[in-house]
PDB file of all heavy atoms in Angstrom:
ATOM      1  N   VAL A   1       3.111  -2.352   2.223  1.00  0.00           N
ATOM      2  CA  VAL A   1       3.781  -1.883   3.439  1.00  0.00           C
ATOM      3  C   VAL A   1       2.970  -0.792   4.124  1.00  0.00           C
ATOM      4  O   VAL A   1       2.919  -0.734   5.363  1.00  0.00           O
ATOM      5  CB  VAL A   1       5.217  -1.414   3.150  1.00  0.00           C
ATOM      6  CG1 VAL A   1       6.092  -2.570   2.706  1.00  0.00           C
ATOM      7  CG2 VAL A   1       5.253  -0.279   2.136  1.00  0.00           C
ATOM      8  N   ALA A   2       2.323   0.090   3.350  1.00  0.00           N
ATOM      9  CA  ALA A   2       1.539   1.157   3.968  1.00  0.00           C
ATOM     10  C   ALA A   2       0.370   0.592   4.764  1.00  0.00           C
ATOM     11  O   ALA A   2       0.031   1.099   5.840  1.00  0.00           O
ATOM     12  CB  ALA A   2       1.038   2.123   2.896  1.00  0.00           C
ATOM     13  N   GLU A   3      -0.257  -0.452   4.240  1.00  0.00           N
ATOM     14  CA  GLU A   3      -1.347  -1.085   4.969  1.00  0.00           C
ATOM     15  C   GLU A   3      -0.850  -1.700   6.268  1.00  0.00           C
ATOM     16  O   GLU A   3      -1.524  -1.634   7.300  1.00  0.00           O
ATOM     17  CB  GLU A   3      -2.017  -2.135   4.090  1.00  0.00           C
ATOM     18  CG  GLU A   3      -2.807  -1.529   2.925  1.00  0.00           C
ATOM     19  CD  GLU A   3      -3.404  -2.576   2.003  1.00  0.00           C
ATOM     20  OE1 GLU A   3      -3.234  -3.783   2.282  1.00  0.00           O
ATOM     21  OE2 GLU A   3      -4.046  -2.190   1.007  1.00  0.00           O
ATOM     22  N   ARG A   4       0.361  -2.277   6.252  1.00  0.00           N
ATOM     23  CA  ARG A   4       0.913  -2.865   7.477  1.00  0.00           C
ATOM     24  C   ARG A   4       1.303  -1.786   8.484  1.00  0.00           C
ATOM     25  O   ARG A   4       1.185  -1.987   9.686  1.00  0.00           O
ATOM     26  CB  ARG A   4       2.125  -3.734   7.141  1.00  0.00           C
ATOM     27  CG  ARG A   4       1.810  -4.933   6.239  1.00  0.00           C
ATOM     28  CD  ARG A   4       0.662  -5.760   6.788  1.00  0.00           C
ATOM     29  NE  ARG A   4       0.259  -6.871   5.955  1.00  0.00           N
ATOM     30  CZ  ARG A   4      -0.577  -6.799   4.935  1.00  0.00           C
ATOM     31  NH1 ARG A   4      -1.080  -5.653   4.556  1.00  0.00           N
ATOM     32  NH2 ARG A   4      -0.924  -7.872   4.273  1.00  0.00           N
ATOM     33  N   VAL A   5       1.734  -0.621   8.000  1.00  0.00           N
ATOM     34  CA  VAL A   5       2.017   0.498   8.902  1.00  0.00           C
ATOM     35  C   VAL A   5       0.733   0.969   9.565  1.00  0.00           C
ATOM     36  O   VAL A   5       0.687   1.207  10.778  1.00  0.00           O
ATOM     37  CB  VAL A   5       2.696   1.655   8.134  1.00  0.00           C
ATOM     38  CG1 VAL A   5       2.777   2.905   9.013  1.00  0.00           C
ATOM     39  CG2 VAL A   5       4.100   1.251   7.685  1.00  0.00           C
ATOM     40  N   ARG A   6      -0.345   1.095   8.798  1.00  0.00           N
ATOM     41  CA  ARG A   6      -1.621   1.535   9.362  1.00  0.00           C
ATOM     42  C   ARG A   6      -2.170   0.525  10.365  1.00  0.00           C
ATOM     43  O   ARG A   6      -2.882   0.901  11.302  1.00  0.00           O
ATOM     44  CB  ARG A   6      -2.638   1.774   8.235  1.00  0.00           C
ATOM     45  CG  ARG A   6      -2.319   3.012   7.392  1.00  0.00           C
ATOM     46  CD  ARG A   6      -3.453   3.370   6.456  1.00  0.00           C
ATOM     47  NE  ARG A   6      -3.553   2.493   5.305  1.00  0.00           N
ATOM     48  CZ  ARG A   6      -2.952   2.691   4.148  1.00  0.00           C
ATOM     49  NH1 ARG A   6      -2.163   3.732   3.982  1.00  0.00           N
ATOM     50  NH2 ARG A   6      -3.113   1.861   3.133  1.00  0.00           N
ATOM     51  N   GLN A   7      -1.834  -0.750  10.174  1.00  0.00           N
ATOM     52  CA  GLN A   7      -2.273  -1.790  11.103  1.00  0.00           C
ATOM     53  C   GLN A   7      -1.356  -1.899  12.323  1.00  0.00           C
ATOM     54  O   GLN A   7      -1.643  -2.653  13.246  1.00  0.00           O
ATOM     55  CB  GLN A   7      -2.312  -3.141  10.386  1.00  0.00           C
ATOM     56  CG  GLN A   7      -3.372  -3.230   9.301  1.00  0.00           C
ATOM     57  CD  GLN A   7      -3.194  -4.442   8.410  1.00  0.00           C
ATOM     58  OE1 GLN A   7      -2.230  -5.214   8.560  1.00  0.00           O
ATOM     59  NE2 GLN A   7      -4.100  -4.637   7.471  1.00  0.00           N
ATOM     60  N   GLY A   8      -0.258  -1.145  12.329  1.00  0.00           N
ATOM     61  CA  GLY A   8       0.689  -1.198  13.429  1.00  0.00           C
ATOM     62  C   GLY A   8       1.637  -2.382  13.370  1.00  0.00           C
ATOM     63  O   GLY A   8       2.321  -2.678  14.357  1.00  0.00           O
ATOM     64  N   LEU A   9       1.717  -3.059  12.217  1.00  0.00           N
ATOM     65  CA  LEU A   9       2.569  -4.235  12.083  1.00  0.00           C
ATOM     66  C   LEU A   9       3.964  -3.895  11.585  1.00  0.00           C
ATOM     67  O   LEU A   9       4.883  -4.706  11.719  1.00  0.00           O
ATOM     68  CB  LEU A   9       1.916  -5.244  11.126  1.00  0.00           C
ATOM     69  CG  LEU A   9       0.524  -5.731  11.535  1.00  0.00           C
ATOM     70  CD1 LEU A   9      -0.052  -6.658  10.468  1.00  0.00           C
ATOM     71  CD2 LEU A   9       0.580  -6.441  12.881  1.00  0.00           C
ATOM     72  N   LEU A  10       4.124  -2.722  10.987  1.00  0.00           N
ATOM     73  CA  LEU A  10       5.434  -2.239  10.547  1.00  0.00           C
ATOM     74  C   LEU A  10       5.586  -0.795  10.977  1.00  0.00           C
ATOM     75  O   LEU A  10       4.596  -0.046  11.031  1.00  0.00           O
ATOM     76  CB  LEU A  10       5.576  -2.311   9.023  1.00  0.00           C
ATOM     77  CG  LEU A  10       5.803  -3.665   8.341  1.00  0.00           C
ATOM     78  CD1 LEU A  10       5.818  -3.474   6.822  1.00  0.00           C
ATOM     79  CD2 LEU A  10       7.096  -4.312   8.801  1.00  0.00           C
ATOM     80  N   SER A  11       6.818  -0.377  11.268  1.00  0.00           N
ATOM     81  CA  SER A  11       7.095   1.030  11.521  1.00  0.00           C
ATOM     82  C   SER A  11       7.362   1.725  10.192  1.00  0.00           C
ATOM     83  O   SER A  11       7.718   1.076   9.205  1.00  0.00           O
ATOM     84  CB  SER A  11       8.308   1.179  12.434  1.00  0.00           C
ATOM     85  OG  SER A  11       9.491   0.783  11.741  1.00  0.00           O
ATOM     86  N   PRO A  12       7.202   3.046  10.122  1.00  0.00           N
ATOM     87  CA  PRO A  12       7.532   3.752   8.879  1.00  0.00           C
ATOM     88  C   PRO A  12       8.966   3.508   8.425  1.00  0.00           C
ATOM     89  O   PRO A  12       9.228   3.412   7.218  1.00  0.00           O
ATOM     90  CB  PRO A  12       7.299   5.226   9.240  1.00  0.00           C
ATOM     91  CG  PRO A  12       6.281   5.183  10.341  1.00  0.00           C
ATOM     92  CD  PRO A  12       6.611   3.950  11.120  1.00  0.00           C
ATOM     93  N   GLU A  13       9.891   3.383   9.371  1.00  0.00           N
ATOM     94  CA  GLU A  13      11.287   3.119   9.013  1.00  0.00           C
ATOM     95  C   GLU A  13      11.444   1.731   8.392  1.00  0.00           C
ATOM     96  O   GLU A  13      12.163   1.552   7.410  1.00  0.00           O
ATOM     97  CB  GLU A  13      12.177   3.249  10.254  1.00  0.00           C
ATOM     98  CG  GLU A  13      12.282   4.656  10.810  1.00  0.00           C
ATOM     99  CD  GLU A  13      11.015   5.099  11.533  1.00  0.00           C
ATOM    100  OE1 GLU A  13      10.238   4.214  11.991  1.00  0.00           O
ATOM    101  OE2 GLU A  13      10.791   6.329  11.616  1.00  0.00           O
ATOM    102  N   GLU A  14      10.762   0.736   8.974  1.00  0.00           N
ATOM    103  CA  GLU A  14      10.820  -0.609   8.400  1.00  0.00           C
ATOM    104  C   GLU A  14      10.188  -0.649   7.011  1.00  0.00           C
ATOM    105  O   GLU A  14      10.676  -1.349   6.114  1.00  0.00           O
ATOM    106  CB  GLU A  14      10.092  -1.588   9.333  1.00  0.00           C
ATOM    107  CG  GLU A  14      10.811  -1.848  10.642  1.00  0.00           C
ATOM    108  CD  GLU A  14       9.967  -2.654  11.613  1.00  0.00           C
ATOM    109  OE1 GLU A  14       8.717  -2.510  11.579  1.00  0.00           O
ATOM    110  OE2 GLU A  14      10.545  -3.411  12.411  1.00  0.00           O
ATOM    111  N   ALA A  15       9.115   0.128   6.831  1.00  0.00           N
ATOM    112  CA  ALA A  15       8.422   0.133   5.544  1.00  0.00           C
ATOM    113  C   ALA A  15       9.308   0.672   4.430  1.00  0.00           C
ATOM    114  O   ALA A  15       9.236   0.217   3.288  1.00  0.00           O
ATOM    115  CB  ALA A  15       7.142   0.958   5.647  1.00  0.00           C
ATOM    116  N   ARG A  16      10.159   1.653   4.743  1.00  0.00           N
ATOM    117  CA  ARG A  16      10.991   2.279   3.711  1.00  0.00           C
ATOM    118  C   ARG A  16      12.003   1.310   3.125  1.00  0.00           C
ATOM    119  O   ARG A  16      12.449   1.486   1.982  1.00  0.00           O
ATOM    120  CB  ARG A  16      11.725   3.496   4.286  1.00  0.00           C
ATOM    121  CG  ARG A  16      10.822   4.672   4.577  1.00  0.00           C
ATOM    122  CD  ARG A  16      11.630   5.861   5.056  1.00  0.00           C
ATOM    123  NE  ARG A  16      12.436   6.426   3.990  1.00  0.00           N
ATOM    124  CZ  ARG A  16      12.012   7.355   3.149  1.00  0.00           C
ATOM    125  NH1 ARG A  16      10.772   7.823   3.241  1.00  0.00           N
ATOM    126  NH2 ARG A  16      12.806   7.830   2.209  1.00  0.00           N
ATOM    127  N   THR A  17      12.393   0.290   3.885  1.00  0.00           N
ATOM    128  CA  THR A  17      13.413  -0.647   3.399  1.00  0.00           C
ATOM    129  C   THR A  17      12.879  -2.059   3.203  1.00  0.00           C
ATOM    130  O   THR A  17      13.651  -2.962   2.868  1.00  0.00           O
ATOM    131  CB  THR A  17      14.594  -0.686   4.386  1.00  0.00           C
ATOM    132  OG1 THR A  17      14.122  -1.076   5.693  1.00  0.00           O
ATOM    133  CG2 THR A  17      15.265   0.684   4.492  1.00  0.00           C
ATOM    134  N   HIS A  18      11.589  -2.277   3.402  1.00  0.00           N
ATOM    135  CA  HIS A  18      11.020  -3.617   3.284  1.00  0.00           C
ATOM    136  C   HIS A  18      11.109  -4.110   1.846  1.00  0.00           C
ATOM    137  O   HIS A  18      10.972  -3.335   0.890  1.00  0.00           O
ATOM    138  CB  HIS A  18       9.554  -3.600   3.731  1.00  0.00           C
ATOM    139  CG  HIS A  18       9.012  -4.960   4.051  1.00  0.00           C
ATOM    140  ND1 HIS A  18       8.594  -5.840   3.079  1.00  0.00           N
ATOM    141  CD2 HIS A  18       8.814  -5.594   5.241  1.00  0.00           C
ATOM    142  CE1 HIS A  18       8.147  -6.952   3.646  1.00  0.00           C
ATOM    143  NE2 HIS A  18       8.270  -6.824   4.959  1.00  0.00           N
ATOM    144  N   ARG A  19      11.317  -5.400   1.680  1.00  0.00           N
ATOM    145  CA  ARG A  19      11.486  -5.953   0.330  1.00  0.00           C
ATOM    146  C   ARG A  19      10.197  -5.874  -0.495  1.00  0.00           C
ATOM    147  O   ARG A  19      10.238  -5.980  -1.725  1.00  0.00           O
ATOM    148  CB  ARG A  19      11.975  -7.402   0.410  1.00  0.00           C
ATOM    149  CG  ARG A  19      11.009  -8.371   1.074  1.00  0.00           C
ATOM    150  CD  ARG A  19      11.697  -9.713   1.325  1.00  0.00           C
ATOM    151  NE  ARG A  19      10.813 -10.668   1.970  1.00  0.00           N
ATOM    152  CZ  ARG A  19      10.105 -11.590   1.324  1.00  0.00           C
ATOM    153  NH1 ARG A  19      10.185 -11.660   0.001  1.00  0.00           N
ATOM    154  NH2 ARG A  19       9.328 -12.422   1.971  1.00  0.00           N
ATOM    155  N   TRP A  20       9.056  -5.684   0.142  1.00  0.00           N
ATOM    156  CA  TRP A  20       7.790  -5.555  -0.581  1.00  0.00           C
ATOM    157  C   TRP A  20       7.326  -4.092  -0.632  1.00  0.00           C
ATOM    158  O   TRP A  20       6.148  -3.817  -0.857  1.00  0.00           O
ATOM    159  CB  TRP A  20       6.712  -6.405   0.071  1.00  0.00           C
ATOM    160  CG  TRP A  20       6.836  -7.859  -0.288  1.00  0.00           C
ATOM    161  CD1 TRP A  20       7.834  -8.450  -1.021  1.00  0.00           C
ATOM    162  CD2 TRP A  20       5.935  -8.909   0.054  1.00  0.00           C
ATOM    163  NE1 TRP A  20       7.616  -9.797  -1.145  1.00  0.00           N
ATOM    164  CE2 TRP A  20       6.450 -10.102  -0.492  1.00  0.00           C
ATOM    165  CE3 TRP A  20       4.742  -8.957   0.777  1.00  0.00           C
ATOM    166  CZ2 TRP A  20       5.815 -11.326  -0.337  1.00  0.00           C
ATOM    167  CZ3 TRP A  20       4.105 -10.172   0.933  1.00  0.00           C
ATOM    168  CH2 TRP A  20       4.634 -11.349   0.377  1.00  0.00           C
ATOM    169  N   ARG A  21       8.228  -3.146  -0.438  1.00  0.00           N
ATOM    170  CA  ARG A  21       7.825  -1.737  -0.386  1.00  0.00           C
ATOM    171  C   ARG A  21       7.270  -1.235  -1.721  1.00  0.00           C
ATOM    172  O   ARG A  21       6.541  -0.244  -1.751  1.00  0.00           O
ATOM    173  CB  ARG A  21       9.001  -0.856   0.058  1.00  0.00           C
ATOM    174  CG  ARG A  21      10.179  -0.855  -0.900  1.00  0.00           C
ATOM    175  CD  ARG A  21      11.356  -0.086  -0.315  1.00  0.00           C
ATOM    176  NE  ARG A  21      12.518  -0.097  -1.191  1.00  0.00           N
ATOM    177  CZ  ARG A  21      13.404  -1.082  -1.257  1.00  0.00           C
ATOM    178  NH1 ARG A  21      13.254  -2.154  -0.475  1.00  0.00           N
ATOM    179  NH2 ARG A  21      14.444  -1.015  -2.067  1.00  0.00           N
ATOM    180  N   ASN A  22       7.613  -1.900  -2.829  1.00  0.00           N
ATOM    181  CA  ASN A  22       7.138  -1.458  -4.145  1.00  0.00           C
ATOM    182  C   ASN A  22       5.882  -2.184  -4.606  1.00  0.00           C
ATOM    183  O   ASN A  22       5.420  -1.954  -5.734  1.00  0.00           O
ATOM    184  CB  ASN A  22       8.242  -1.650  -5.187  1.00  0.00           C
ATOM    185  CG  ASN A  22       9.445  -0.762  -4.920  1.00  0.00           C
ATOM    186  OD1 ASN A  22       9.293   0.377  -4.500  1.00  0.00           O
ATOM    187  ND2 ASN A  22      10.639  -1.278  -5.143  1.00  0.00           N
ATOM    188  N   VAL A  23       5.333  -3.038  -3.774  1.00  0.00           N
ATOM    189  CA  VAL A  23       4.127  -3.786  -4.146  1.00  0.00           C
ATOM    190  C   VAL A  23       2.893  -2.950  -3.807  1.00  0.00           C
ATOM    191  O   VAL A  23       2.644  -2.626  -2.649  1.00  0.00           O
ATOM    192  CB  VAL A  23       4.072  -5.135  -3.407  1.00  0.00           C
ATOM    193  CG1 VAL A  23       2.766  -5.862  -3.731  1.00  0.00           C
ATOM    194  CG2 VAL A  23       5.273  -5.995  -3.789  1.00  0.00           C
ATOM    195  N   ILE A  24       2.133  -2.575  -4.827  1.00  0.00           N
ATOM    196  CA  ILE A  24       0.930  -1.779  -4.596  1.00  0.00           C
ATOM    197  C   ILE A  24      -0.303  -2.679  -4.588  1.00  0.00           C
ATOM    198  O   ILE A  24      -0.314  -3.741  -5.207  1.00  0.00           O
ATOM    199  CB  ILE A  24       0.781  -0.649  -5.621  1.00  0.00           C
ATOM    200  CG1 ILE A  24       0.608  -1.187  -7.040  1.00  0.00           C
ATOM    201  CG2 ILE A  24       1.976   0.292  -5.566  1.00  0.00           C
ATOM    202  CD1 ILE A  24       0.301  -0.105  -8.048  1.00  0.00           C
ATOM    203  N   THR A  25      -1.319  -2.240  -3.878  1.00  0.00           N
ATOM    204  CA  THR A  25      -2.530  -3.043  -3.711  1.00  0.00           C
ATOM    205  C   THR A  25      -3.733  -2.469  -4.451  1.00  0.00           C
ATOM    206  O   THR A  25      -4.840  -2.982  -4.327  1.00  0.00           O
ATOM    207  CB  THR A  25      -2.877  -3.159  -2.211  1.00  0.00           C
ATOM    208  OG1 THR A  25      -3.005  -1.848  -1.660  1.00  0.00           O
ATOM    209  CG2 THR A  25      -1.791  -3.915  -1.467  1.00  0.00           C
ATOM    210  N   ASN A  26      -3.514  -1.420  -5.207  1.00  0.00           N
ATOM    211  CA  ASN A  26      -4.603  -0.806  -5.961  1.00  0.00           C
ATOM    212  C   ASN A  26      -3.999  -0.032  -7.115  1.00  0.00           C
ATOM    213  O   ASN A  26      -3.066   0.752  -6.914  1.00  0.00           O
ATOM    214  CB  ASN A  26      -5.406   0.140  -5.058  1.00  0.00           C
ATOM    215  CG  ASN A  26      -6.640   0.705  -5.741  1.00  0.00           C
ATOM    216  OD1 ASN A  26      -7.169   0.123  -6.682  1.00  0.00           O
ATOM    217  ND2 ASN A  26      -7.107   1.845  -5.251  1.00  0.00           N
ATOM    218  N   ALA A  27      -4.496  -0.252  -8.323  1.00  0.00           N
ATOM    219  CA  ALA A  27      -3.971   0.446  -9.496  1.00  0.00           C
ATOM    220  C   ALA A  27      -5.063   0.557 -10.541  1.00  0.00           C
ATOM    221  O   ALA A  27      -5.961  -0.282 -10.622  1.00  0.00           O
ATOM    222  CB  ALA A  27      -2.767  -0.299 -10.074  1.00  0.00           C
ATOM    223  N   LEU A  28      -4.999   1.586 -11.363  1.00  0.00           N
ATOM    224  CA  LEU A  28      -5.918   1.693 -12.491  1.00  0.00           C
ATOM    225  C   LEU A  28      -5.615   0.596 -13.500  1.00  0.00           C
ATOM    226  O   LEU A  28      -4.462   0.374 -13.861  1.00  0.00           O
ATOM    227  CB  LEU A  28      -5.774   3.055 -13.170  1.00  0.00           C
ATOM    228  CG  LEU A  28      -6.272   4.288 -12.427  1.00  0.00           C
ATOM    229  CD1 LEU A  28      -6.120   5.517 -13.319  1.00  0.00           C
ATOM    230  CD2 LEU A  28      -7.706   4.140 -11.973  1.00  0.00           C
ATOM    231  N   GLY A  29      -6.661  -0.097 -13.927  1.00  0.00           N
ATOM    232  CA  GLY A  29      -6.513  -1.138 -14.932  1.00  0.00           C
ATOM    233  C   GLY A  29      -6.426  -2.537 -14.390  1.00  0.00           C
ATOM    234  O   GLY A  29      -6.563  -3.509 -15.143  1.00  0.00           O
ATOM    235  N   SER A  30      -6.213  -2.683 -13.084  1.00  0.00           N
ATOM    236  CA  SER A  30      -6.060  -4.025 -12.519  1.00  0.00           C
ATOM    237  C   SER A  30      -7.390  -4.755 -12.372  1.00  0.00           C
ATOM    238  O   SER A  30      -7.441  -5.975 -12.398  1.00  0.00           O
ATOM    239  CB  SER A  30      -5.368  -3.949 -11.156  1.00  0.00           C
ATOM    240  OG  SER A  30      -4.055  -3.458 -11.295  1.00  0.00           O
ATOM    241  N   PHE A  31      -8.472  -3.996 -12.197  1.00  0.00           N
ATOM    242  CA  PHE A  31      -9.795  -4.571 -11.999  1.00  0.00           C
ATOM    243  C   PHE A  31     -10.800  -3.829 -12.887  1.00  0.00           C
ATOM    244  O   PHE A  31     -10.552  -2.687 -13.283  1.00  0.00           O
ATOM    245  CB  PHE A  31     -10.218  -4.470 -10.532  1.00  0.00           C
ATOM    246  CG  PHE A  31      -9.320  -5.218  -9.590  1.00  0.00           C
ATOM    247  CD1 PHE A  31      -8.272  -4.569  -8.953  1.00  0.00           C
ATOM    248  CD2 PHE A  31      -9.517  -6.556  -9.352  1.00  0.00           C
ATOM    249  CE1 PHE A  31      -7.443  -5.253  -8.084  1.00  0.00           C
ATOM    250  CE2 PHE A  31      -8.693  -7.259  -8.476  1.00  0.00           C
ATOM    251  CZ  PHE A  31      -7.655  -6.598  -7.847  1.00  0.00           C
ATOM    252  N   PRO A  32     -11.959  -4.433 -13.176  1.00  0.00           N
ATOM    253  CA  PRO A  32     -12.944  -3.749 -14.014  1.00  0.00           C
ATOM    254  C   PRO A  32     -13.452  -2.449 -13.414  1.00  0.00           C
ATOM    255  O   PRO A  32     -13.847  -1.537 -14.126  1.00  0.00           O
ATOM    256  CB  PRO A  32     -14.070  -4.774 -14.142  1.00  0.00           C
ATOM    257  CG  PRO A  32     -13.430  -6.092 -13.867  1.00  0.00           C
ATOM    258  CD  PRO A  32     -12.356  -5.817 -12.864  1.00  0.00           C
ATOM    259  N   GLN A  33     -13.461  -2.355 -12.087  1.00  0.00           N
ATOM    260  CA  GLN A  33     -13.980  -1.166 -11.423  1.00  0.00           C
ATOM    261  C   GLN A  33     -12.863  -0.508 -10.617  1.00  0.00           C
ATOM    262  O   GLN A  33     -12.096  -1.187  -9.923  1.00  0.00           O
ATOM    263  CB  GLN A  33     -15.138  -1.530 -10.500  1.00  0.00           C
ATOM    264  CG  GLN A  33     -15.895  -0.338  -9.933  1.00  0.00           C
ATOM    265  CD  GLN A  33     -17.089  -0.764  -9.118  1.00  0.00           C
ATOM    266  OE1 GLN A  33     -17.102  -1.838  -8.526  1.00  0.00           O
ATOM    267  NE2 GLN A  33     -18.113   0.080  -9.071  1.00  0.00           N
ATOM    268  N   ALA A  34     -12.763   0.795 -10.698  1.00  0.00           N
ATOM    269  CA  ALA A  34     -11.709   1.516  -9.992  1.00  0.00           C
ATOM    270  C   ALA A  34     -12.100   1.751  -8.536  1.00  0.00           C
ATOM    271  O   ALA A  34     -13.279   1.920  -8.212  1.00  0.00           O
ATOM    272  CB  ALA A  34     -11.450   2.857 -10.666  1.00  0.00           C
ATOM    273  N   ARG A  35     -11.120   1.747  -7.661  1.00  0.00           N
ATOM    274  CA  ARG A  35     -11.303   2.140  -6.252  1.00  0.00           C
ATOM    275  C   ARG A  35     -10.483   3.400  -6.029  1.00  0.00           C
ATOM    276  O   ARG A  35      -9.260   3.371  -6.019  1.00  0.00           O
ATOM    277  CB  ARG A  35     -10.862   1.012  -5.316  1.00  0.00           C
ATOM    278  CG  ARG A  35     -10.949   1.380  -3.841  1.00  0.00           C
ATOM    279  CD  ARG A  35     -10.867   0.149  -2.949  1.00  0.00           C
ATOM    280  NE  ARG A  35      -9.684  -0.649  -3.165  1.00  0.00           N
ATOM    281  CZ  ARG A  35      -8.550  -0.507  -2.475  1.00  0.00           C
ATOM    282  NH1 ARG A  35      -8.450   0.434  -1.550  1.00  0.00           N
ATOM    283  NH2 ARG A  35      -7.524  -1.295  -2.697  1.00  0.00           N
ATOM    284  N   VAL A  36     -11.154   4.515  -5.862  1.00  0.00           N
ATOM    285  CA  VAL A  36     -10.502   5.823  -5.870  1.00  0.00           C
ATOM    286  C   VAL A  36     -10.723   6.529  -4.534  1.00  0.00           C
ATOM    287  O   VAL A  36     -11.848   6.595  -4.039  1.00  0.00           O
ATOM    288  CB  VAL A  36     -11.062   6.704  -7.011  1.00  0.00           C
ATOM    289  CG1 VAL A  36     -10.361   8.050  -7.050  1.00  0.00           C
ATOM    290  CG2 VAL A  36     -10.927   5.986  -8.353  1.00  0.00           C
ATOM    291  N   ASP A  37      -9.647   7.060  -3.957  1.00  0.00           N
ATOM    292  CA  ASP A  37      -9.763   7.952  -2.807  1.00  0.00           C
ATOM    293  C   ASP A  37     -10.010   9.361  -3.333  1.00  0.00           C
ATOM    294  O   ASP A  37      -9.361   9.809  -4.280  1.00  0.00           O
ATOM    295  CB  ASP A  37      -8.468   7.952  -1.981  1.00  0.00           C
ATOM    296  CG  ASP A  37      -8.266   6.655  -1.219  1.00  0.00           C
ATOM    297  OD1 ASP A  37      -9.203   5.844  -1.162  1.00  0.00           O
ATOM    298  OD2 ASP A  37      -7.156   6.453  -0.682  1.00  0.00           O
ATOM    299  N   LEU A  38     -10.932  10.078  -2.683  1.00  0.00           N
ATOM    300  CA  LEU A  38     -11.285  11.415  -3.127  1.00  0.00           C
ATOM    301  C   LEU A  38     -11.345  12.338  -1.916  1.00  0.00           C
ATOM    302  O   LEU A  38     -11.981  12.017  -0.906  1.00  0.00           O
ATOM    303  CB  LEU A  38     -12.646  11.397  -3.830  1.00  0.00           C
ATOM    304  CG  LEU A  38     -13.179  12.731  -4.340  1.00  0.00           C
ATOM    305  CD1 LEU A  38     -12.306  13.270  -5.462  1.00  0.00           C
ATOM    306  CD2 LEU A  38     -14.623  12.569  -4.830  1.00  0.00           C
ATOM    307  N   LEU A  39     -10.652  13.477  -1.997  1.00  0.00           N
ATOM    308  CA  LEU A  39     -10.700  14.445  -0.914  1.00  0.00           C
ATOM    309  C   LEU A  39     -10.698  15.852  -1.479  1.00  0.00           C
ATOM    310  O   LEU A  39     -10.386  16.068  -2.658  1.00  0.00           O
ATOM    311  CB  LEU A  39      -9.546  14.245   0.075  1.00  0.00           C
ATOM    312  CG  LEU A  39      -8.121  14.346  -0.457  1.00  0.00           C
ATOM    313  CD1 LEU A  39      -7.577  15.758  -0.306  1.00  0.00           C
ATOM    314  CD2 LEU A  39      -7.209  13.380   0.284  1.00  0.00           C
TER     315      LEU A  39
END
């Protein structure tokens, strides 16, 4: 849902109640190599 909000396809309000709101697209352990945001 967050990716769809950034693309302008969902509003933040729609994202909070969307049926796929708990589906994550990046997690530790899912792939051999980690994709990490760093700031």
